ModelCIF file with pLDDT and N, C-alpha, C, O atoms, coordinates in Angstrom:
data_MODEL
#
_entry.id   MODEL 
#
_entity.id                         1 
_entity.type                       polymer 
_entity.pdbx_number_of_molecules   1 
#
_entity_poly.entity_id                      1 
_entity_poly.type                           'polypeptide(L)' 
_entity_poly.nstd_linkage                   no 
_entity_poly.nstd_monomer                   no 
_entity_poly.pdbx_seq_one_letter_code       KEVLLDLFNKHGYKPVEIIEKTFVTDVSQLSIFRKKVKTV 
_entity_poly.pdbx_seq_one_letter_code_can   KEVLLDLFNKHGYKPVEIIEKTFVTDVSQLSIFRKKVKTV 
_entity_poly.pdbx_strand_id                 A 
#
loop_
_entity_poly_seq.entity_id 
_entity_poly_seq.num 
_entity_poly_seq.mon_id 
_entity_poly_seq.hetero 
1 1  LYS n 
1 2  GLU n 
1 3  VAL n 
1 4  LEU n 
1 5  LEU n 
1 6  ASP n 
1 7  LEU n 
1 8  PHE n 
1 9  ASN n 
1 10 LYS n 
1 11 HIS n 
1 12 GLY n 
1 13 TYR n 
1 14 LYS n 
1 15 PRO n 
1 16 VAL n 
1 17 GLU n 
1 18 ILE n 
1 19 ILE n 
1 20 GLU n 
1 21 LYS n 
1 22 THR n 
1 23 PHE n 
1 24 VAL n 
1 25 THR n 
1 26 ASP n 
1 27 VAL n 
1 28 SER n 
1 29 GLN n 
1 30 LEU n 
1 31 SER n 
1 32 ILE n 
1 33 PHE n 
1 34 ARG n 
1 35 LYS n 
1 36 LYS n 
1 37 VAL n 
1 38 LYS n 
1 39 THR n 
1 40 VAL n 
#
_struct_asym.id          A 
_struct_asym.entity_id   1 
#
loop_
_ma_qa_metric.id 
_ma_qa_metric.mode 
_ma_qa_metric.name 
_ma_qa_metric.software_group_id 
_ma_qa_metric.type 
1 global pLDDT . pLDDT 
2 local  pLDDT . pLDDT 
#
_ma_qa_metric_global.metric_id      1 
_ma_qa_metric_global.metric_value   68.60 
_ma_qa_metric_global.model_id       1 
_ma_qa_metric_global.ordinal_id     1 
#
loop_
_ma_qa_metric_local.label_asym_id 
_ma_qa_metric_local.label_comp_id 
_ma_qa_metric_local.label_seq_id 
_ma_qa_metric_local.metric_id 
_ma_qa_metric_local.metric_value 
_ma_qa_metric_local.model_id 
_ma_qa_metric_local.ordinal_id 
A LYS 1  2 77.00 1 1  
A GLU 2  2 78.00 1 2  
A VAL 3  2 76.00 1 3  
A LEU 4  2 77.00 1 4  
A LEU 5  2 81.00 1 5  
A ASP 6  2 78.00 1 6  
A LEU 7  2 78.00 1 7  
A PHE 8  2 79.00 1 8  
A ASN 9  2 82.00 1 9  
A LYS 10 2 77.00 1 10 
A HIS 11 2 76.00 1 11 
A GLY 12 2 79.00 1 12 
A TYR 13 2 80.00 1 13 
A LYS 14 2 79.00 1 14 
A PRO 15 2 78.00 1 15 
A VAL 16 2 72.00 1 16 
A GLU 17 2 72.00 1 17 
A ILE 18 2 77.00 1 18 
A ILE 19 2 74.00 1 19 
A GLU 20 2 72.00 1 20 
A LYS 21 2 62.00 1 21 
A THR 22 2 58.00 1 22 
A PHE 23 2 47.00 1 23 
A VAL 24 2 46.00 1 24 
A THR 25 2 46.00 1 25 
A ASP 26 2 45.00 1 26 
A VAL 27 2 44.00 1 27 
A SER 28 2 45.00 1 28 
A GLN 29 2 46.00 1 29 
A LEU 30 2 46.00 1 30 
A SER 31 2 45.00 1 31 
A ILE 32 2 46.00 1 32 
A PHE 33 2 48.00 1 33 
A ARG 34 2 61.00 1 34 
A LYS 35 2 72.00 1 35 
A LYS 36 2 85.00 1 36 
A VAL 37 2 88.00 1 37 
A LYS 38 2 90.00 1 38 
A THR 39 2 90.00 1 39 
A VAL 40 2 92.00 1 40 
#
loop_
_atom_site.group_PDB 
_atom_site.id 
_atom_site.type_symbol 
_atom_site.label_atom_id 
_atom_site.label_alt_id 
_atom_site.label_comp_id 
_atom_site.label_asym_id 
_atom_site.label_entity_id 
_atom_site.label_seq_id 
_atom_site.pdbx_PDB_ins_code 
_atom_site.Cartn_x 
_atom_site.Cartn_y 
_atom_site.Cartn_z 
_atom_site.occupancy 
_atom_site.B_iso_or_equiv 
_atom_site.pdbx_formal_charge 
_atom_site.auth_seq_id 
_atom_site.auth_comp_id 
_atom_site.auth_asym_id 
_atom_site.auth_atom_id 
_atom_site.pdbx_PDB_model_num 
ATOM 1   N N  . LYS A 1 1  ? 6.636   -4.934  10.351  1.00 77.00 ? 1  LYS A N  1 
ATOM 2   C CA . LYS A 1 1  ? 6.439   -3.549  9.980   1.00 77.00 ? 1  LYS A CA 1 
ATOM 3   C C  . LYS A 1 1  ? 7.344   -2.624  10.783  1.00 77.00 ? 1  LYS A C  1 
ATOM 4   O O  . LYS A 1 1  ? 7.807   -1.603  10.274  1.00 77.00 ? 1  LYS A O  1 
ATOM 5   N N  . GLU A 1 2  ? 7.597   -2.986  12.046  1.00 78.00 ? 2  GLU A N  1 
ATOM 6   C CA . GLU A 1 2  ? 8.458   -2.186  12.908  1.00 78.00 ? 2  GLU A CA 1 
ATOM 7   C C  . GLU A 1 2  ? 9.891   -2.145  12.383  1.00 78.00 ? 2  GLU A C  1 
ATOM 8   O O  . GLU A 1 2  ? 10.556  -1.111  12.438  1.00 78.00 ? 2  GLU A O  1 
ATOM 9   N N  . VAL A 1 3  ? 10.357  -3.289  11.872  1.00 76.00 ? 3  VAL A N  1 
ATOM 10  C CA . VAL A 1 3  ? 11.700  -3.361  11.297  1.00 76.00 ? 3  VAL A CA 1 
ATOM 11  C C  . VAL A 1 3  ? 11.817  -2.427  10.100  1.00 76.00 ? 3  VAL A C  1 
ATOM 12  O O  . VAL A 1 3  ? 12.826  -1.744  9.926   1.00 76.00 ? 3  VAL A O  1 
ATOM 13  N N  . LEU A 1 4  ? 10.762  -2.404  9.268   1.00 77.00 ? 4  LEU A N  1 
ATOM 14  C CA . LEU A 1 4  ? 10.749  -1.573  8.082   1.00 77.00 ? 4  LEU A CA 1 
ATOM 15  C C  . LEU A 1 4  ? 10.757  -0.088  8.467   1.00 77.00 ? 4  LEU A C  1 
ATOM 16  O O  . LEU A 1 4  ? 11.433  0.717   7.827   1.00 77.00 ? 4  LEU A O  1 
ATOM 17  N N  . LEU A 1 5  ? 10.005  0.269   9.512   1.00 81.00 ? 5  LEU A N  1 
ATOM 18  C CA . LEU A 1 5  ? 9.959   1.641   9.982   1.00 81.00 ? 5  LEU A CA 1 
ATOM 19  C C  . LEU A 1 5  ? 11.351  2.112   10.462  1.00 81.00 ? 5  LEU A C  1 
ATOM 20  O O  . LEU A 1 5  ? 11.769  3.240   10.201  1.00 81.00 ? 5  LEU A O  1 
ATOM 21  N N  . ASP A 1 6  ? 12.045  1.210   11.166  1.00 78.00 ? 6  ASP A N  1 
ATOM 22  C CA . ASP A 1 6  ? 13.402  1.524   11.649  1.00 78.00 ? 6  ASP A CA 1 
ATOM 23  C C  . ASP A 1 6  ? 14.341  1.791   10.487  1.00 78.00 ? 6  ASP A C  1 
ATOM 24  O O  . ASP A 1 6  ? 15.150  2.717   10.539  1.00 78.00 ? 6  ASP A O  1 
ATOM 25  N N  . LEU A 1 7  ? 14.239  0.984   9.442   1.00 78.00 ? 7  LEU A N  1 
ATOM 26  C CA . LEU A 1 7  ? 15.083  1.160   8.258   1.00 78.00 ? 7  LEU A CA 1 
ATOM 27  C C  . LEU A 1 7  ? 14.839  2.500   7.587   1.00 78.00 ? 7  LEU A C  1 
ATOM 28  O O  . LEU A 1 7  ? 15.783  3.170   7.168   1.00 78.00 ? 7  LEU A O  1 
ATOM 29  N N  . PHE A 1 8  ? 13.580  2.892   7.482   1.00 79.00 ? 8  PHE A N  1 
ATOM 30  C CA . PHE A 1 8  ? 13.254  4.197   6.901   1.00 79.00 ? 8  PHE A CA 1 
ATOM 31  C C  . PHE A 1 8  ? 13.795  5.351   7.725   1.00 79.00 ? 8  PHE A C  1 
ATOM 32  O O  . PHE A 1 8  ? 14.330  6.317   7.181   1.00 79.00 ? 8  PHE A O  1 
ATOM 33  N N  . ASN A 1 9  ? 13.655  5.248   9.035   1.00 82.00 ? 9  ASN A N  1 
ATOM 34  C CA . ASN A 1 9  ? 14.147  6.319   9.938   1.00 82.00 ? 9  ASN A CA 1 
ATOM 35  C C  . ASN A 1 9  ? 15.668  6.481   9.832   1.00 82.00 ? 9  ASN A C  1 
ATOM 36  O O  . ASN A 1 9  ? 16.178  7.601   9.850   1.00 82.00 ? 9  ASN A O  1 
ATOM 37  N N  . LYS A 1 10 ? 16.382  5.372   9.723   1.00 77.00 ? 10 LYS A N  1 
ATOM 38  C CA . LYS A 1 10 ? 17.834  5.389   9.639   1.00 77.00 ? 10 LYS A CA 1 
ATOM 39  C C  . LYS A 1 10 ? 18.301  6.083   8.372   1.00 77.00 ? 10 LYS A C  1 
ATOM 40  O O  . LYS A 1 10 ? 19.332  6.756   8.377   1.00 77.00 ? 10 LYS A O  1 
ATOM 41  N N  . HIS A 1 11 ? 17.559  5.927   7.295   1.00 76.00 ? 11 HIS A N  1 
ATOM 42  C CA . HIS A 1 11 ? 17.952  6.486   5.999   1.00 76.00 ? 11 HIS A CA 1 
ATOM 43  C C  . HIS A 1 11 ? 17.271  7.852   5.731   1.00 76.00 ? 11 HIS A C  1 
ATOM 44  O O  . HIS A 1 11 ? 17.423  8.412   4.645   1.00 76.00 ? 11 HIS A O  1 
ATOM 45  N N  . GLY A 1 12 ? 16.537  8.375   6.700   1.00 79.00 ? 12 GLY A N  1 
ATOM 46  C CA . GLY A 1 12 ? 15.935  9.689   6.554   1.00 79.00 ? 12 GLY A CA 1 
ATOM 47  C C  . GLY A 1 12 ? 14.689  9.766   5.716   1.00 79.00 ? 12 GLY A C  1 
ATOM 48  O O  . GLY A 1 12 ? 14.370  10.822  5.169   1.00 79.00 ? 12 GLY A O  1 
ATOM 49  N N  . TYR A 1 13 ? 13.971  8.652   5.604   1.00 80.00 ? 13 TYR A N  1 
ATOM 50  C CA . TYR A 1 13 ? 12.729  8.633   4.818   1.00 80.00 ? 13 TYR A CA 1 
ATOM 51  C C  . TYR A 1 13 ? 11.518  8.707   5.757   1.00 80.00 ? 13 TYR A C  1 
ATOM 52  O O  . TYR A 1 13 ? 11.493  8.064   6.806   1.00 80.00 ? 13 TYR A O  1 
ATOM 53  N N  . LYS A 1 14 ? 10.519  9.501   5.361   1.00 79.00 ? 14 LYS A N  1 
ATOM 54  C CA . LYS A 1 14 ? 9.291   9.599   6.153   1.00 79.00 ? 14 LYS A CA 1 
ATOM 55  C C  . LYS A 1 14 ? 8.207   8.715   5.486   1.00 79.00 ? 14 LYS A C  1 
ATOM 56  O O  . LYS A 1 14 ? 7.830   8.966   4.341   1.00 79.00 ? 14 LYS A O  1 
ATOM 57  N N  . PRO A 1 15 ? 7.704   7.678   6.201   1.00 78.00 ? 15 PRO A N  1 
ATOM 58  C CA . PRO A 1 15 ? 6.682   6.788   5.611   1.00 78.00 ? 15 PRO A CA 1 
ATOM 59  C C  . PRO A 1 15 ? 5.382   7.540   5.315   1.00 78.00 ? 15 PRO A C  1 
ATOM 60  O O  . PRO A 1 15 ? 4.892   8.306   6.143   1.00 78.00 ? 15 PRO A O  1 
ATOM 61  N N  . VAL A 1 16 ? 4.845   7.310   4.142   1.00 72.00 ? 16 VAL A N  1 
ATOM 62  C CA . VAL A 1 16 ? 3.550   7.856   3.757   1.00 72.00 ? 16 VAL A CA 1 
ATOM 63  C C  . VAL A 1 16 ? 2.488   6.753   3.839   1.00 72.00 ? 16 VAL A C  1 
ATOM 64  O O  . VAL A 1 16 ? 1.367   6.974   4.297   1.00 72.00 ? 16 VAL A O  1 
ATOM 65  N N  . GLU A 1 17 ? 2.879   5.567   3.383   1.00 72.00 ? 17 GLU A N  1 
ATOM 66  C CA . GLU A 1 17 ? 1.937   4.421   3.376   1.00 72.00 ? 17 GLU A CA 1 
ATOM 67  C C  . GLU A 1 17 ? 2.721   3.121   3.393   1.00 72.00 ? 17 GLU A C  1 
ATOM 68  O O  . GLU A 1 17 ? 3.652   2.936   2.609   1.00 72.00 ? 17 GLU A O  1 
ATOM 69  N N  . ILE A 1 18 ? 2.335   2.207   4.305   1.00 77.00 ? 18 ILE A N  1 
ATOM 70  C CA . ILE A 1 18 ? 2.931   0.872   4.381   1.00 77.00 ? 18 ILE A CA 1 
ATOM 71  C C  . ILE A 1 18 ? 1.805   -0.131  4.464   1.00 77.00 ? 18 ILE A C  1 
ATOM 72  O O  . ILE A 1 18 ? 0.973   -0.065  5.369   1.00 77.00 ? 18 ILE A O  1 
ATOM 73  N N  . ILE A 1 19 ? 1.772   -1.065  3.520   1.00 74.00 ? 19 ILE A N  1 
ATOM 74  C CA . ILE A 1 19 ? 0.698   -2.062  3.487   1.00 74.00 ? 19 ILE A CA 1 
ATOM 75  C C  . ILE A 1 19 ? 1.313   -3.461  3.373   1.00 74.00 ? 19 ILE A C  1 
ATOM 76  O O  . ILE A 1 19 ? 2.161   -3.717  2.518   1.00 74.00 ? 19 ILE A O  1 
ATOM 77  N N  . GLU A 1 20 ? 0.869   -4.342  4.242   1.00 72.00 ? 20 GLU A N  1 
ATOM 78  C CA . GLU A 1 20 ? 1.325   -5.730  4.156   1.00 72.00 ? 20 GLU A CA 1 
ATOM 79  C C  . GLU A 1 20 ? 0.545   -6.445  3.056   1.00 72.00 ? 20 GLU A C  1 
ATOM 80  O O  . GLU A 1 20 ? -0.686  -6.424  3.048   1.00 72.00 ? 20 GLU A O  1 
ATOM 81  N N  . LYS A 1 21 ? 1.258   -7.073  2.134   1.00 62.00 ? 21 LYS A N  1 
ATOM 82  C CA . LYS A 1 21 ? 0.599   -7.757  1.030   1.00 62.00 ? 21 LYS A CA 1 
ATOM 83  C C  . LYS A 1 21 ? -0.008  -9.070  1.508   1.00 62.00 ? 21 LYS A C  1 
ATOM 84  O O  . LYS A 1 21 ? 0.668   -9.913  2.099   1.00 62.00 ? 21 LYS A O  1 
ATOM 85  N N  . THR A 1 22 ? -1.296  -9.219  1.237   1.00 58.00 ? 22 THR A N  1 
ATOM 86  C CA . THR A 1 22 ? -2.016  -10.463 1.525   1.00 58.00 ? 22 THR A CA 1 
ATOM 87  C C  . THR A 1 22 ? -2.832  -10.803 0.301   1.00 58.00 ? 22 THR A C  1 
ATOM 88  O O  . THR A 1 22 ? -2.834  -10.056 -0.677  1.00 58.00 ? 22 THR A O  1 
ATOM 89  N N  . PHE A 1 23 ? -3.517  -11.916 0.347   1.00 47.00 ? 23 PHE A N  1 
ATOM 90  C CA . PHE A 1 23 ? -4.369  -12.309 -0.763  1.00 47.00 ? 23 PHE A CA 1 
ATOM 91  C C  . PHE A 1 23 ? -5.439  -11.241 -1.012  1.00 47.00 ? 23 PHE A C  1 
ATOM 92  O O  . PHE A 1 23 ? -5.750  -10.901 -2.154  1.00 47.00 ? 23 PHE A O  1 
ATOM 93  N N  . VAL A 1 24 ? -5.991  -10.723 0.091   1.00 46.00 ? 24 VAL A N  1 
ATOM 94  C CA . VAL A 1 24 ? -7.074  -9.730  -0.002  1.00 46.00 ? 24 VAL A CA 1 
ATOM 95  C C  . VAL A 1 24 ? -6.578  -8.463  -0.663  1.00 46.00 ? 24 VAL A C  1 
ATOM 96  O O  . VAL A 1 24 ? -7.256  -7.915  -1.532  1.00 46.00 ? 24 VAL A O  1 
ATOM 97  N N  . THR A 1 25 ? -5.374  -7.974  -0.256  1.00 46.00 ? 25 THR A N  1 
ATOM 98  C CA . THR A 1 25 ? -4.848  -6.734  -0.849  1.00 46.00 ? 25 THR A CA 1 
ATOM 99  C C  . THR A 1 25 ? -4.475  -6.931  -2.303  1.00 46.00 ? 25 THR A C  1 
ATOM 100 O O  . THR A 1 25 ? -4.628  -6.014  -3.109  1.00 46.00 ? 25 THR A O  1 
ATOM 101 N N  . ASP A 1 26 ? -3.971  -8.151  -2.664  1.00 45.00 ? 26 ASP A N  1 
ATOM 102 C CA . ASP A 1 26 ? -3.645  -8.424  -4.058  1.00 45.00 ? 26 ASP A CA 1 
ATOM 103 C C  . ASP A 1 26 ? -4.903  -8.420  -4.933  1.00 45.00 ? 26 ASP A C  1 
ATOM 104 O O  . ASP A 1 26 ? -4.927  -7.842  -6.019  1.00 45.00 ? 26 ASP A O  1 
ATOM 105 N N  . VAL A 1 27 ? -5.953  -9.089  -4.418  1.00 44.00 ? 27 VAL A N  1 
ATOM 106 C CA . VAL A 1 27 ? -7.190  -9.183  -5.167  1.00 44.00 ? 27 VAL A CA 1 
ATOM 107 C C  . VAL A 1 27 ? -7.837  -7.800  -5.340  1.00 44.00 ? 27 VAL A C  1 
ATOM 108 O O  . VAL A 1 27 ? -8.412  -7.497  -6.386  1.00 44.00 ? 27 VAL A O  1 
ATOM 109 N N  . SER A 1 28 ? -7.730  -6.973  -4.293  1.00 45.00 ? 28 SER A N  1 
ATOM 110 C CA . SER A 1 28 ? -8.349  -5.637  -4.347  1.00 45.00 ? 28 SER A CA 1 
ATOM 111 C C  . SER A 1 28 ? -7.731  -4.745  -5.411  1.00 45.00 ? 28 SER A C  1 
ATOM 112 O O  . SER A 1 28 ? -8.338  -3.755  -5.821  1.00 45.00 ? 28 SER A O  1 
ATOM 113 N N  . GLN A 1 29 ? -6.518  -5.091  -5.867  1.00 46.00 ? 29 GLN A N  1 
ATOM 114 C CA . GLN A 1 29 ? -5.856  -4.280  -6.899  1.00 46.00 ? 29 GLN A CA 1 
ATOM 115 C C  . GLN A 1 29 ? -6.303  -4.683  -8.298  1.00 46.00 ? 29 GLN A C  1 
ATOM 116 O O  . GLN A 1 29 ? -6.009  -3.982  -9.267  1.00 46.00 ? 29 GLN A O  1 
ATOM 117 N N  . LEU A 1 30 ? -7.007  -5.797  -8.414  1.00 46.00 ? 30 LEU A N  1 
ATOM 118 C CA . LEU A 1 30 ? -7.507  -6.216  -9.717  1.00 46.00 ? 30 LEU A CA 1 
ATOM 119 C C  . LEU A 1 30 ? -8.529  -5.213  -10.210 1.00 46.00 ? 30 LEU A C  1 
ATOM 120 O O  . LEU A 1 30 ? -9.256  -4.618  -9.415  1.00 46.00 ? 30 LEU A O  1 
ATOM 121 N N  . SER A 1 31 ? -8.591  -5.018  -11.553 1.00 45.00 ? 31 SER A N  1 
ATOM 122 C CA . SER A 1 31 ? -9.492  -4.015  -12.122 1.00 45.00 ? 31 SER A CA 1 
ATOM 123 C C  . SER A 1 31 ? -10.957 -4.272  -11.807 1.00 45.00 ? 31 SER A C  1 
ATOM 124 O O  . SER A 1 31 ? -11.743 -3.331  -11.692 1.00 45.00 ? 31 SER A O  1 
ATOM 125 N N  . ILE A 1 32 ? -11.332 -5.542  -11.666 1.00 46.00 ? 32 ILE A N  1 
ATOM 126 C CA . ILE A 1 32 ? -12.751 -5.836  -11.418 1.00 46.00 ? 32 ILE A CA 1 
ATOM 127 C C  . ILE A 1 32 ? -13.180 -5.409  -10.019 1.00 46.00 ? 32 ILE A C  1 
ATOM 128 O O  . ILE A 1 32 ? -14.372 -5.248  -9.757  1.00 46.00 ? 32 ILE A O  1 
ATOM 129 N N  . PHE A 1 33 ? -12.198 -5.223  -9.101  1.00 48.00 ? 33 PHE A N  1 
ATOM 130 C CA . PHE A 1 33 ? -12.528 -4.835  -7.742  1.00 48.00 ? 33 PHE A CA 1 
ATOM 131 C C  . PHE A 1 33 ? -12.288 -3.344  -7.514  1.00 48.00 ? 33 PHE A C  1 
ATOM 132 O O  . PHE A 1 33 ? -12.668 -2.811  -6.471  1.00 48.00 ? 33 PHE A O  1 
ATOM 133 N N  . ARG A 1 34 ? -11.670 -2.673  -8.465  1.00 61.00 ? 34 ARG A N  1 
ATOM 134 C CA . ARG A 1 34 ? -11.419 -1.240  -8.312  1.00 61.00 ? 34 ARG A CA 1 
ATOM 135 C C  . ARG A 1 34 ? -12.628 -0.442  -8.790  1.00 61.00 ? 34 ARG A C  1 
ATOM 136 O O  . ARG A 1 34 ? -13.259 -0.780  -9.791  1.00 61.00 ? 34 ARG A O  1 
ATOM 137 N N  . LYS A 1 35 ? -12.929 0.604   -8.067  1.00 72.00 ? 35 LYS A N  1 
ATOM 138 C CA . LYS A 1 35 ? -14.079 1.442   -8.440  1.00 72.00 ? 35 LYS A CA 1 
ATOM 139 C C  . LYS A 1 35 ? -13.724 2.208   -9.704  1.00 72.00 ? 35 LYS A C  1 
ATOM 140 O O  . LYS A 1 35 ? -12.672 2.841   -9.789  1.00 72.00 ? 35 LYS A O  1 
ATOM 141 N N  . LYS A 1 36 ? -14.618 2.139   -10.685 1.00 85.00 ? 36 LYS A N  1 
ATOM 142 C CA . LYS A 1 36 ? -14.361 2.799   -11.968 1.00 85.00 ? 36 LYS A CA 1 
ATOM 143 C C  . LYS A 1 36 ? -14.553 4.306   -11.837 1.00 85.00 ? 36 LYS A C  1 
ATOM 144 O O  . LYS A 1 36 ? -15.325 4.802   -11.016 1.00 85.00 ? 36 LYS A O  1 
ATOM 145 N N  . VAL A 1 37 ? -13.813 5.002   -12.687 1.00 88.00 ? 37 VAL A N  1 
ATOM 146 C CA . VAL A 1 37 ? -13.963 6.453   -12.774 1.00 88.00 ? 37 VAL A CA 1 
ATOM 147 C C  . VAL A 1 37 ? -15.022 6.717   -13.843 1.00 88.00 ? 37 VAL A C  1 
ATOM 148 O O  . VAL A 1 37 ? -14.783 6.478   -15.027 1.00 88.00 ? 37 VAL A O  1 
ATOM 149 N N  . LYS A 1 38 ? -16.176 7.203   -13.436 1.00 90.00 ? 38 LYS A N  1 
ATOM 150 C CA . LYS A 1 38 ? -17.305 7.407   -14.357 1.00 90.00 ? 38 LYS A CA 1 
ATOM 151 C C  . LYS A 1 38 ? -17.231 8.777   -15.012 1.00 90.00 ? 38 LYS A C  1 
ATOM 152 O O  . LYS A 1 38 ? -16.408 9.619   -14.652 1.00 90.00 ? 38 LYS A O  1 
ATOM 153 N N  . THR A 1 39 ? -18.106 8.974   -15.974 1.00 90.00 ? 39 THR A N  1 
ATOM 154 C CA . THR A 1 39 ? -18.184 10.245  -16.701 1.00 90.00 ? 39 THR A CA 1 
ATOM 155 C C  . THR A 1 39 ? -18.483 11.393  -15.761 1.00 90.00 ? 39 THR A C  1 
ATOM 156 O O  . THR A 1 39 ? -17.932 12.484  -15.908 1.00 90.00 ? 39 THR A O  1 
ATOM 157 N N  . VAL A 1 40 ? -19.356 11.150  -14.793 1.00 92.00 ? 40 VAL A N  1 
ATOM 158 C CA . VAL A 1 40 ? -19.719 12.199  -13.844 1.00 92.00 ? 40 VAL A CA 1 
ATOM 159 C C  . VAL A 1 40 ? -18.520 12.604  -12.974 1.00 92.00 ? 40 VAL A C  1 
ATOM 160 O O  . VAL A 1 40 ? -18.646 13.478  -12.117 1.00 92.00 ? 40 VAL A O  1 
#
């Protein structure tokens, strides 16, 4: 992650969000694990 931050700083980009992809983060993006937007 530190290497990625250095690359962004060199090119003038400000990080908003950096997430390391793992099995858990991949699974959490599936629709069955995402909280639904209800009528309310």
